Amino acid sequence: MQNNNCVKMGLPNGKVVDILSPVFDEIAKWIQDDPYKPESGGYIIGYQHKGTGNISLEEVSHPYLLDTKNRVRFAIKDPRHQLFLRKAKRHNSYYMGVWHTHPQKTPVPSAIDWNDWNETLKADRTGCQYVFFIIAGVDEWRLWVGDFKTMMIQEIHECQKDPCGIYYKGGLSDCEKDT
């Protein structure tokens, strides 16, 4: 995983989700890059911008002592995750989904992941129309969104960048015009 200030990804409704650097910074600490590291995970918090409808994922909780952790399974059990969510809500950030690691270079959701995600889509509510599922592998991370309106889960991808590394929405950026 690389440290970025922000990664922009396109949502199914045409809006954008910004994933801020504290999300990547915390998840990077738990990558299963050693055979003895257990699967890890936690909650994702963020908010939806009232004006634009875009979403920001700004922080994640991390594994705690009472969570279930082994090489191929993680389950949130520690009550400190709930404290994390309550504290976030006081600062106008809300539960937006979950993240966990896989010991694969490029993570692929397991049957357990798909079952959990479908149950989450039926039972949970977030601060927006979507619930987010991040899996961090050893070399790459991937993001899926569950849509509460359609009840569908799909992978989403990073928005296009110009040659200067600046995100753009159609047309050419000033940097690209100069090349």
N, C-alpha and C. Protein backbone atom coordinates (compact mmCIF):
# COMPACT_ATOMS: atom_id res chain seq x y z
N MET A 1 0.85 -1.18 0.00
CA MET A 1 0.00 0.00 0.00
C MET A 1 0.89 1.24 0.00
N GLN A 2 0.49 2.22 -0.77
CA GLN A 2 1.27 3.44 -0.76
C GLN A 2 0.51 4.52 -0.01
N ASN A 3 1.26 5.44 0.57
CA ASN A 3 0.67 6.52 1.33
C ASN A 3 0.29 7.66 0.38
N ASN A 4 -0.97 7.97 0.32
CA ASN A 4 -1.48 9.06 -0.50
C ASN A 4 -2.18 10.06 0.39
N ASN A 5 -2.24 11.29 -0.05
CA ASN A 5 -3.02 12.28 0.70
C ASN A 5 -4.50 11.98 0.58
N CYS A 6 -4.91 11.58 -0.60
CA CYS A 6 -6.32 11.32 -0.86
C CYS A 6 -6.42 10.51 -2.14
N VAL A 7 -7.28 9.51 -2.14
CA VAL A 7 -7.57 8.76 -3.35
C VAL A 7 -9.04 8.99 -3.66
N LYS A 8 -9.33 9.33 -4.91
CA LYS A 8 -10.71 9.56 -5.35
C LYS A 8 -11.18 8.36 -6.15
N MET A 9 -12.36 7.87 -5.80
CA MET A 9 -12.92 6.73 -6.51
C MET A 9 -14.34 7.06 -6.94
N GLY A 10 -14.70 6.57 -8.13
CA GLY A 10 -16.02 6.84 -8.67
C GLY A 10 -17.08 5.93 -8.07
N LEU A 11 -18.19 6.54 -7.68
CA LEU A 11 -19.32 5.79 -7.14
C LEU A 11 -20.33 5.47 -8.24
N PRO A 12 -21.15 4.44 -8.05
CA PRO A 12 -22.14 4.07 -9.08
C PRO A 12 -23.11 5.21 -9.44
N ASN A 13 -23.35 6.14 -8.53
CA ASN A 13 -24.29 7.24 -8.81
C ASN A 13 -23.62 8.44 -9.47
N GLY A 14 -22.36 8.30 -9.87
CA GLY A 14 -21.66 9.39 -10.53
C GLY A 14 -20.94 10.33 -9.58
N LYS A 15 -21.14 10.17 -8.30
CA LYS A 15 -20.43 10.98 -7.31
C LYS A 15 -19.06 10.35 -7.03
N VAL A 16 -18.32 10.98 -6.12
CA VAL A 16 -16.96 10.53 -5.81
C VAL A 16 -16.84 10.26 -4.32
N VAL A 17 -16.04 9.26 -3.97
CA VAL A 17 -15.65 9.04 -2.59
C VAL A 17 -14.17 9.36 -2.47
N ASP A 18 -13.83 10.23 -1.52
CA ASP A 18 -12.45 10.56 -1.21
C ASP A 18 -12.02 9.71 -0.02
N ILE A 19 -10.92 8.99 -0.18
CA ILE A 19 -10.39 8.20 0.92
C ILE A 19 -9.15 8.94 1.40
N LEU A 20 -9.21 9.43 2.63
CA LEU A 20 -8.16 10.30 3.15
C LEU A 20 -6.99 9.50 3.73
N SER A 21 -5.84 10.14 3.83
CA SER A 21 -4.60 9.46 4.23
C SER A 21 -4.66 8.76 5.59
N PRO A 22 -5.39 9.27 6.62
CA PRO A 22 -5.43 8.51 7.87
C PRO A 22 -5.98 7.10 7.71
N VAL A 23 -6.85 6.88 6.72
CA VAL A 23 -7.37 5.53 6.45
C VAL A 23 -6.21 4.63 6.01
N PHE A 24 -5.46 5.09 5.02
CA PHE A 24 -4.34 4.29 4.51
C PHE A 24 -3.24 4.12 5.56
N ASP A 25 -2.96 5.19 6.31
CA ASP A 25 -1.90 5.14 7.32
C ASP A 25 -2.19 4.07 8.38
N GLU A 26 -3.43 4.00 8.84
CA GLU A 26 -3.77 3.01 9.87
C GLU A 26 -3.80 1.60 9.30
N ILE A 27 -4.43 1.43 8.15
CA ILE A 27 -4.51 0.09 7.56
C ILE A 27 -3.11 -0.46 7.26
N ALA A 28 -2.20 0.41 6.82
CA ALA A 28 -0.83 -0.02 6.48
C ALA A 28 -0.12 -0.68 7.67
N LYS A 29 -0.48 -0.30 8.87
CA LYS A 29 0.15 -0.87 10.07
C LYS A 29 -0.21 -2.34 10.26
N TRP A 30 -1.28 -2.79 9.62
CA TRP A 30 -1.82 -4.12 9.88
C TRP A 30 -1.69 -5.08 8.70
N ILE A 31 -1.01 -4.65 7.63
CA ILE A 31 -0.85 -5.49 6.44
C ILE A 31 -0.20 -6.81 6.82
N GLN A 32 -0.70 -7.90 6.25
CA GLN A 32 -0.20 -9.25 6.56
C GLN A 32 1.01 -9.59 5.69
N ASP A 33 2.09 -8.85 5.88
CA ASP A 33 3.30 -9.04 5.09
C ASP A 33 4.29 -9.99 5.76
N ASP A 34 3.84 -10.68 6.77
CA ASP A 34 4.64 -11.66 7.50
C ASP A 34 3.71 -12.85 7.78
N PRO A 35 4.19 -14.09 7.64
CA PRO A 35 3.32 -15.26 7.84
C PRO A 35 2.69 -15.35 9.23
N TYR A 36 3.23 -14.59 10.20
CA TYR A 36 2.70 -14.68 11.55
C TYR A 36 1.68 -13.59 11.87
N LYS A 37 1.50 -12.64 10.97
CA LYS A 37 0.55 -11.56 11.23
C LYS A 37 -0.88 -12.05 10.98
N PRO A 38 -1.78 -11.82 11.93
CA PRO A 38 -3.17 -12.25 11.74
C PRO A 38 -3.94 -11.27 10.87
N GLU A 39 -5.08 -11.75 10.37
CA GLU A 39 -6.00 -10.86 9.68
C GLU A 39 -6.45 -9.80 10.67
N SER A 40 -6.59 -8.59 10.20
CA SER A 40 -6.98 -7.47 11.06
C SER A 40 -8.08 -6.68 10.38
N GLY A 41 -8.73 -5.80 11.13
CA GLY A 41 -9.79 -5.00 10.53
C GLY A 41 -10.40 -4.03 11.51
N GLY A 42 -11.47 -3.40 11.07
CA GLY A 42 -12.17 -2.43 11.91
C GLY A 42 -13.25 -1.72 11.13
N TYR A 43 -13.78 -0.67 11.74
CA TYR A 43 -14.83 0.14 11.12
C TYR A 43 -14.22 1.29 10.34
N ILE A 44 -14.97 1.78 9.37
CA ILE A 44 -14.62 2.96 8.59
C ILE A 44 -15.62 4.06 8.96
N ILE A 45 -15.11 5.28 9.18
CA ILE A 45 -16.01 6.41 9.43
C ILE A 45 -15.79 7.50 8.40
N GLY A 46 -16.81 8.31 8.22
CA GLY A 46 -16.74 9.41 7.28
C GLY A 46 -18.06 10.16 7.25
N TYR A 47 -18.27 10.87 6.15
CA TYR A 47 -19.49 11.67 6.03
C TYR A 47 -19.77 11.96 4.56
N GLN A 48 -21.00 12.39 4.30
CA GLN A 48 -21.39 12.81 2.96
C GLN A 48 -21.49 14.33 2.95
N HIS A 49 -20.90 14.96 1.93
CA HIS A 49 -20.94 16.42 1.79
C HIS A 49 -22.35 16.83 1.38
N LYS A 50 -22.95 17.75 2.13
CA LYS A 50 -24.31 18.18 1.82
C LYS A 50 -24.42 18.83 0.45
N GLY A 51 -23.48 19.68 0.11
CA GLY A 51 -23.56 20.42 -1.15
C GLY A 51 -23.34 19.57 -2.38
N THR A 52 -22.30 18.74 -2.37
CA THR A 52 -21.92 17.99 -3.58
C THR A 52 -22.49 16.57 -3.62
N GLY A 53 -22.79 16.00 -2.48
CA GLY A 53 -23.21 14.60 -2.44
C GLY A 53 -22.03 13.65 -2.45
N ASN A 54 -20.80 14.19 -2.58
CA ASN A 54 -19.61 13.34 -2.52
C ASN A 54 -19.40 12.86 -1.08
N ILE A 55 -18.59 11.84 -0.94
CA ILE A 55 -18.38 11.19 0.36
C ILE A 55 -16.91 11.24 0.72
N SER A 56 -16.61 11.41 1.98
CA SER A 56 -15.23 11.32 2.48
C SER A 56 -15.15 10.20 3.51
N LEU A 57 -14.21 9.30 3.31
CA LEU A 57 -13.88 8.28 4.31
C LEU A 57 -12.63 8.80 5.00
N GLU A 58 -12.73 9.09 6.30
CA GLU A 58 -11.65 9.84 6.93
C GLU A 58 -10.83 9.09 7.97
N GLU A 59 -11.33 8.01 8.50
CA GLU A 59 -10.59 7.32 9.56
C GLU A 59 -11.12 5.90 9.70
N VAL A 60 -10.31 5.03 10.31
CA VAL A 60 -10.73 3.65 10.59
C VAL A 60 -10.36 3.29 12.03
N SER A 61 -11.13 2.38 12.60
CA SER A 61 -10.72 1.81 13.89
C SER A 61 -9.73 0.69 13.59
N HIS A 62 -9.03 0.24 14.60
CA HIS A 62 -8.02 -0.80 14.41
C HIS A 62 -8.34 -1.98 15.32
N PRO A 63 -7.67 -3.12 15.12
CA PRO A 63 -7.93 -4.28 15.97
C PRO A 63 -7.60 -4.00 17.43
N TYR A 64 -8.41 -4.58 18.30
CA TYR A 64 -8.20 -4.48 19.74
C TYR A 64 -8.05 -5.89 20.32
N LEU A 65 -7.69 -5.94 21.57
CA LEU A 65 -7.38 -7.20 22.25
C LEU A 65 -8.51 -8.24 22.17
N LEU A 66 -9.77 -7.81 22.34
CA LEU A 66 -10.87 -8.75 22.40
C LEU A 66 -11.44 -9.15 21.04
N ASP A 67 -10.90 -8.61 19.95
CA ASP A 67 -11.33 -9.02 18.61
C ASP A 67 -10.83 -10.43 18.32
N THR A 68 -11.53 -11.13 17.44
CA THR A 68 -11.11 -12.46 17.01
C THR A 68 -10.14 -12.29 15.84
N LYS A 69 -8.92 -12.81 15.99
CA LYS A 69 -7.89 -12.64 14.97
C LYS A 69 -7.13 -13.96 14.77
N ASN A 70 -7.07 -14.41 13.52
CA ASN A 70 -6.12 -15.46 13.17
C ASN A 70 -5.67 -15.20 11.74
N ARG A 71 -4.93 -16.09 11.15
CA ARG A 71 -4.31 -15.81 9.84
C ARG A 71 -5.34 -15.52 8.76
N VAL A 72 -6.52 -16.14 8.82
CA VAL A 72 -7.50 -16.00 7.74
C VAL A 72 -8.89 -15.55 8.21
N ARG A 73 -8.98 -15.02 9.42
CA ARG A 73 -10.29 -14.59 9.91
C ARG A 73 -10.13 -13.45 10.90
N PHE A 74 -11.03 -12.48 10.80
CA PHE A 74 -11.09 -11.38 11.75
C PHE A 74 -12.55 -11.10 12.06
N ALA A 75 -12.86 -10.89 13.32
CA ALA A 75 -14.22 -10.52 13.71
C ALA A 75 -14.14 -9.42 14.77
N ILE A 76 -14.91 -8.37 14.57
CA ILE A 76 -14.99 -7.27 15.53
C ILE A 76 -15.77 -7.75 16.75
N LYS A 77 -15.11 -7.78 17.89
CA LYS A 77 -15.73 -8.22 19.15
C LYS A 77 -15.52 -7.22 20.28
N ASP A 78 -14.44 -6.45 20.20
CA ASP A 78 -14.06 -5.54 21.29
C ASP A 78 -14.99 -4.34 21.35
N PRO A 79 -15.50 -4.00 22.52
CA PRO A 79 -16.42 -2.86 22.66
C PRO A 79 -15.78 -1.50 22.33
N ARG A 80 -14.46 -1.45 22.25
CA ARG A 80 -13.82 -0.17 21.91
C ARG A 80 -14.15 0.29 20.49
N HIS A 81 -14.55 -0.63 19.62
CA HIS A 81 -14.98 -0.22 18.28
C HIS A 81 -16.25 0.63 18.38
N GLN A 82 -17.16 0.24 19.28
CA GLN A 82 -18.39 1.02 19.48
C GLN A 82 -18.07 2.39 20.07
N LEU A 83 -17.10 2.45 20.96
CA LEU A 83 -16.67 3.75 21.51
C LEU A 83 -16.11 4.63 20.40
N PHE A 84 -15.35 4.04 19.50
CA PHE A 84 -14.81 4.75 18.34
C PHE A 84 -15.94 5.37 17.52
N LEU A 85 -17.01 4.59 17.27
CA LEU A 85 -18.14 5.09 16.49
C LEU A 85 -18.89 6.20 17.23
N ARG A 86 -19.08 6.05 18.52
CA ARG A 86 -19.79 7.09 19.30
C ARG A 86 -19.00 8.39 19.32
N LYS A 87 -17.69 8.29 19.50
CA LYS A 87 -16.84 9.48 19.50
C LYS A 87 -16.89 10.16 18.13
N ALA A 88 -16.84 9.37 17.06
CA ALA A 88 -16.90 9.92 15.70
C ALA A 88 -18.21 10.67 15.47
N LYS A 89 -19.30 10.10 15.94
CA LYS A 89 -20.62 10.72 15.74
C LYS A 89 -20.69 12.10 16.40
N ARG A 90 -20.05 12.25 17.54
CA ARG A 90 -20.02 13.55 18.22
C ARG A 90 -19.29 14.60 17.37
N HIS A 91 -18.45 14.14 16.44
CA HIS A 91 -17.70 15.04 15.56
C HIS A 91 -18.27 15.03 14.13
N ASN A 92 -19.53 14.59 14.01
CA ASN A 92 -20.24 14.55 12.73
C ASN A 92 -19.60 13.63 11.69
N SER A 93 -19.01 12.55 12.15
CA SER A 93 -18.53 11.47 11.28
C SER A 93 -19.32 10.23 11.65
N TYR A 94 -19.59 9.41 10.68
CA TYR A 94 -20.52 8.30 10.88
C TYR A 94 -19.95 6.98 10.38
N TYR A 95 -20.51 5.89 10.88
CA TYR A 95 -20.17 4.56 10.40
C TYR A 95 -20.43 4.51 8.90
N MET A 96 -19.41 4.07 8.14
CA MET A 96 -19.54 3.98 6.68
C MET A 96 -19.22 2.59 6.14
N GLY A 97 -18.71 1.69 6.99
CA GLY A 97 -18.40 0.35 6.52
C GLY A 97 -17.31 -0.30 7.34
N VAL A 98 -16.70 -1.32 6.73
CA VAL A 98 -15.67 -2.10 7.43
C VAL A 98 -14.48 -2.35 6.51
N TRP A 99 -13.34 -2.61 7.14
CA TRP A 99 -12.13 -2.97 6.40
C TRP A 99 -11.51 -4.18 7.06
N HIS A 100 -10.74 -4.93 6.28
CA HIS A 100 -9.93 -6.00 6.85
C HIS A 100 -8.80 -6.33 5.89
N THR A 101 -7.84 -7.09 6.38
CA THR A 101 -6.69 -7.48 5.58
C THR A 101 -6.84 -8.91 5.07
N HIS A 102 -6.08 -9.22 4.05
CA HIS A 102 -5.92 -10.58 3.53
C HIS A 102 -4.43 -10.83 3.34
N PRO A 103 -3.98 -12.08 3.46
CA PRO A 103 -2.56 -12.37 3.27
C PRO A 103 -2.17 -12.52 1.79
N GLN A 104 -3.06 -12.13 0.87
CA GLN A 104 -2.78 -12.21 -0.56
C GLN A 104 -2.14 -10.91 -1.05
N LYS A 105 -1.35 -11.00 -2.11
CA LYS A 105 -0.78 -9.78 -2.70
C LYS A 105 -1.91 -8.87 -3.20
N THR A 106 -2.80 -9.42 -4.00
CA THR A 106 -4.00 -8.71 -4.46
C THR A 106 -5.19 -9.42 -3.82
N PRO A 107 -5.90 -8.75 -2.93
CA PRO A 107 -6.95 -9.42 -2.18
C PRO A 107 -8.17 -9.78 -3.04
N VAL A 108 -8.72 -10.95 -2.76
CA VAL A 108 -9.93 -11.42 -3.41
C VAL A 108 -10.92 -11.77 -2.30
N PRO A 109 -12.15 -11.25 -2.38
CA PRO A 109 -13.12 -11.55 -1.32
C PRO A 109 -13.42 -13.04 -1.25
N SER A 110 -13.48 -13.55 -0.04
CA SER A 110 -13.83 -14.96 0.18
C SER A 110 -15.34 -15.11 0.20
N ALA A 111 -15.80 -16.34 0.21
CA ALA A 111 -17.24 -16.61 0.34
C ALA A 111 -17.76 -16.03 1.66
N ILE A 112 -16.93 -16.12 2.71
CA ILE A 112 -17.31 -15.54 4.01
C ILE A 112 -17.48 -14.03 3.89
N ASP A 113 -16.55 -13.37 3.17
CA ASP A 113 -16.67 -11.92 2.95
C ASP A 113 -17.99 -11.59 2.27
N TRP A 114 -18.29 -12.28 1.17
CA TRP A 114 -19.53 -11.99 0.44
C TRP A 114 -20.76 -12.20 1.31
N ASN A 115 -20.77 -13.27 2.10
CA ASN A 115 -21.90 -13.51 3.00
C ASN A 115 -22.02 -12.40 4.04
N ASP A 116 -20.89 -12.03 4.66
CA ASP A 116 -20.90 -10.95 5.65
C ASP A 116 -21.37 -9.64 5.03
N TRP A 117 -20.86 -9.33 3.84
CA TRP A 117 -21.22 -8.08 3.18
C TRP A 117 -22.71 -8.02 2.85
N ASN A 118 -23.25 -9.14 2.37
CA ASN A 118 -24.68 -9.17 2.06
C ASN A 118 -25.53 -9.02 3.32
N GLU A 119 -25.10 -9.62 4.41
CA GLU A 119 -25.80 -9.44 5.69
C GLU A 119 -25.70 -7.99 6.17
N THR A 120 -24.52 -7.40 6.02
CA THR A 120 -24.31 -6.00 6.39
C THR A 120 -25.23 -5.10 5.58
N LEU A 121 -25.35 -5.36 4.29
CA LEU A 121 -26.19 -4.56 3.42
C LEU A 121 -27.65 -4.62 3.85
N LYS A 122 -28.08 -5.77 4.35
CA LYS A 122 -29.46 -5.93 4.81
C LYS A 122 -29.69 -5.29 6.18
N ALA A 123 -28.69 -5.36 7.06
CA ALA A 123 -28.91 -5.00 8.46
C ALA A 123 -28.43 -3.61 8.87
N ASP A 124 -27.36 -3.12 8.24
CA ASP A 124 -26.73 -1.87 8.70
C ASP A 124 -27.26 -0.66 7.94
N ARG A 125 -26.99 0.50 8.50
CA ARG A 125 -27.21 1.78 7.82
C ARG A 125 -25.99 2.64 8.07
N THR A 126 -25.65 3.46 7.08
CA THR A 126 -24.48 4.32 7.18
C THR A 126 -24.93 5.78 7.06
N GLY A 127 -23.95 6.66 6.94
CA GLY A 127 -24.25 8.07 6.77
C GLY A 127 -24.53 8.46 5.33
N CYS A 128 -24.80 7.47 4.46
CA CYS A 128 -25.06 7.76 3.05
C CYS A 128 -25.80 6.58 2.41
N GLN A 129 -25.87 6.57 1.09
CA GLN A 129 -26.57 5.53 0.33
C GLN A 129 -25.78 4.23 0.23
N TYR A 130 -24.50 4.27 0.61
CA TYR A 130 -23.63 3.12 0.42
C TYR A 130 -23.02 2.63 1.73
N VAL A 131 -22.60 1.36 1.71
CA VAL A 131 -21.74 0.82 2.75
C VAL A 131 -20.45 0.38 2.04
N PHE A 132 -19.31 0.68 2.65
CA PHE A 132 -18.00 0.47 2.03
C PHE A 132 -17.29 -0.74 2.65
N PHE A 133 -16.62 -1.50 1.78
CA PHE A 133 -15.87 -2.68 2.20
C PHE A 133 -14.47 -2.61 1.59
N ILE A 134 -13.47 -2.40 2.43
CA ILE A 134 -12.09 -2.36 1.96
C ILE A 134 -11.40 -3.65 2.36
N ILE A 135 -10.69 -4.25 1.41
CA ILE A 135 -9.79 -5.36 1.72
C ILE A 135 -8.39 -4.92 1.32
N ALA A 136 -7.46 -4.99 2.27
CA ALA A 136 -6.07 -4.62 2.03
C ALA A 136 -5.23 -5.88 1.92
N GLY A 137 -4.64 -6.08 0.76
CA GLY A 137 -3.71 -7.19 0.56
C GLY A 137 -2.29 -6.72 0.86
N VAL A 138 -1.34 -7.59 0.61
CA VAL A 138 0.06 -7.27 0.88
C VAL A 138 0.56 -6.15 -0.05
N ASP A 139 0.16 -6.18 -1.32
CA ASP A 139 0.63 -5.18 -2.29
C ASP A 139 -0.44 -4.20 -2.75
N GLU A 140 -1.69 -4.59 -2.69
CA GLU A 140 -2.78 -3.76 -3.20
C GLU A 140 -3.95 -3.77 -2.23
N TRP A 141 -4.81 -2.77 -2.40
CA TRP A 141 -6.07 -2.75 -1.67
C TRP A 141 -7.18 -2.57 -2.70
N ARG A 142 -8.37 -3.02 -2.33
CA ARG A 142 -9.54 -2.92 -3.22
C ARG A 142 -10.74 -2.46 -2.40
N LEU A 143 -11.70 -1.84 -3.09
CA LEU A 143 -12.87 -1.29 -2.42
C LEU A 143 -14.14 -1.69 -3.15
N TRP A 144 -15.09 -2.19 -2.37
CA TRP A 144 -16.41 -2.53 -2.87
C TRP A 144 -17.42 -1.65 -2.15
N VAL A 145 -18.55 -1.37 -2.83
CA VAL A 145 -19.63 -0.63 -2.19
C VAL A 145 -20.92 -1.42 -2.33
N GLY A 146 -21.66 -1.42 -1.23
CA GLY A 146 -23.00 -1.98 -1.25
C GLY A 146 -23.97 -0.82 -1.34
N ASP A 147 -24.91 -0.89 -2.27
CA ASP A 147 -25.89 0.17 -2.51
C ASP A 147 -27.19 -0.21 -1.81
N PHE A 148 -27.60 0.59 -0.83
CA PHE A 148 -28.82 0.30 -0.08
C PHE A 148 -30.07 0.38 -0.95
N LYS A 149 -30.03 1.15 -2.05
CA LYS A 149 -31.20 1.28 -2.93
C LYS A 149 -31.38 0.06 -3.82
N THR A 150 -30.27 -0.42 -4.40
CA THR A 150 -30.36 -1.55 -5.33
C THR A 150 -30.05 -2.89 -4.66
N MET A 151 -29.47 -2.83 -3.47
CA MET A 151 -29.02 -4.02 -2.73
C MET A 151 -27.94 -4.80 -3.51
N MET A 152 -27.18 -4.09 -4.32
CA MET A 152 -26.09 -4.68 -5.09
C MET A 152 -24.75 -4.27 -4.48
N ILE A 153 -23.77 -5.16 -4.59
CA ILE A 153 -22.40 -4.88 -4.15
C ILE A 153 -21.51 -4.95 -5.38
N GLN A 154 -20.69 -3.90 -5.56
CA GLN A 154 -19.77 -3.90 -6.69
C GLN A 154 -18.46 -3.24 -6.33
N GLU A 155 -17.41 -3.65 -7.02
CA GLU A 155 -16.11 -3.02 -6.82
C GLU A 155 -16.11 -1.67 -7.52
N ILE A 156 -15.46 -0.68 -6.89
CA ILE A 156 -15.29 0.62 -7.53
C ILE A 156 -13.80 0.88 -7.72
N HIS A 157 -13.48 1.84 -8.59
CA HIS A 157 -12.09 2.05 -8.99
C HIS A 157 -11.71 3.52 -8.89
N GLU A 158 -10.40 3.75 -8.87
CA GLU A 158 -9.88 5.10 -8.77
C GLU A 158 -10.27 5.92 -10.00
N CYS A 159 -10.55 7.19 -9.78
CA CYS A 159 -10.86 8.12 -10.86
C CYS A 159 -9.62 8.33 -11.73
N GLN A 160 -9.85 8.79 -12.94
CA GLN A 160 -8.73 9.04 -13.85
C GLN A 160 -7.90 10.23 -13.39
N LYS A 161 -6.60 10.13 -13.70
CA LYS A 161 -5.67 11.21 -13.41
C LYS A 161 -5.03 11.66 -14.71
N ASP A 162 -4.61 12.91 -14.74
CA ASP A 162 -3.85 13.40 -15.89
C ASP A 162 -2.39 12.99 -15.72
N PRO A 163 -1.53 13.27 -16.70
CA PRO A 163 -0.12 12.88 -16.59
C PRO A 163 0.61 13.48 -15.39
N CYS A 164 0.09 14.56 -14.84
CA CYS A 164 0.71 15.18 -13.65
C CYS A 164 0.23 14.53 -12.36
N GLY A 165 -0.70 13.57 -12.46
CA GLY A 165 -1.22 12.92 -11.27
C GLY A 165 -2.39 13.65 -10.64
N ILE A 166 -2.99 14.57 -11.38
CA ILE A 166 -4.12 15.34 -10.86
C ILE A 166 -5.41 14.70 -11.36
N TYR A 167 -6.36 14.49 -10.46
CA TYR A 167 -7.64 13.94 -10.86
C TYR A 167 -8.39 14.93 -11.73
N TYR A 168 -9.06 14.42 -12.74
CA TYR A 168 -9.88 15.30 -13.55
C TYR A 168 -11.20 14.63 -13.89
N LYS A 169 -12.15 15.45 -14.24
CA LYS A 169 -13.49 14.98 -14.58
C LYS A 169 -13.77 15.44 -16.00
N GLY A 170 -13.39 14.64 -16.98
CA GLY A 170 -13.59 15.00 -18.38
C GLY A 170 -12.68 16.13 -18.80
N GLY A 171 -12.47 16.29 -20.07
CA GLY A 171 -11.64 17.38 -20.57
C GLY A 171 -10.19 17.20 -20.19
N LEU A 172 -9.36 18.12 -20.60
CA LEU A 172 -7.94 18.07 -20.30
C LEU A 172 -7.61 19.03 -19.17
N SER A 173 -6.74 18.61 -18.29
CA SER A 173 -6.28 19.52 -17.23
C SER A 173 -5.25 20.47 -17.83
N ASP A 174 -4.95 21.55 -17.12
CA ASP A 174 -3.96 22.50 -17.59
C ASP A 174 -2.60 21.82 -17.78
N CYS A 175 -2.27 20.88 -16.92
CA CYS A 175 -0.99 20.18 -17.02
C CYS A 175 -0.92 19.40 -18.32
N GLU A 176 -1.99 18.70 -18.67
CA GLU A 176 -2.00 17.88 -19.87
C GLU A 176 -1.96 18.73 -21.13
N LYS A 177 -2.56 19.92 -21.12
CA LYS A 177 -2.55 20.81 -22.27
C LYS A 177 -1.14 21.29 -22.59
N ASP A 178 -0.28 21.37 -21.59
CA ASP A 178 1.09 21.87 -21.78
C ASP A 178 2.03 20.82 -22.35
N THR A 179 1.64 19.55 -22.34
CA THR A 179 2.56 18.50 -22.81
C THR A 179 2.38 18.20 -24.27
